[in-house]
Amino acid sequence: GAFFTAGMLAAVLPGSSKGCAGRKVIEDMRRAGVPRTPQFYEVALRALARKQGFQAAVEVFQELKADQVVPTGETAGCVMTALVEMKDTRAALQLLRDLSKAEFTPSIRAYMFLLKPLHAEGDWEAALE
């Protein structure tokens, strides 16, 4: 089920040099009528985080949103980690804002993880937000 498919997705994504394999796999799944549940996305993003497939994780998260799947704490945490690791603190901060507006409460770990690069950048205004 979801674990097998998500595991296969995670196995092929980080090897993509162009960073578009995630979208292609999910589009193929969409065309074939294969469901992409919150559990599917959670397993895939967790596996990508372990493999440090940060760009692929961001792309998979965009597909999660396109499928109108509500992010879980795990999926949000994985993409937050990916954005921070990619040094895209602005996108990570925007994600945190978007999740908060959607009445999603990010974990304290997500806030702490984002504070470190904001501190390093000296962006106290964003950190206090």
Foldseek 3Di string as FASTA:
>chain_A
DLLVLLVVLLVPQLVDPVRCSLVVSVVVCVVVVNDCALSSLLNNLVSNLVVLSLSNLLVSVVVCVVVVYDHDLSSLQSNLVSCVVVVNLVVSLVSCVVCVVVVHDHDVVSLVSSLVVCVVVVVVVSNVD
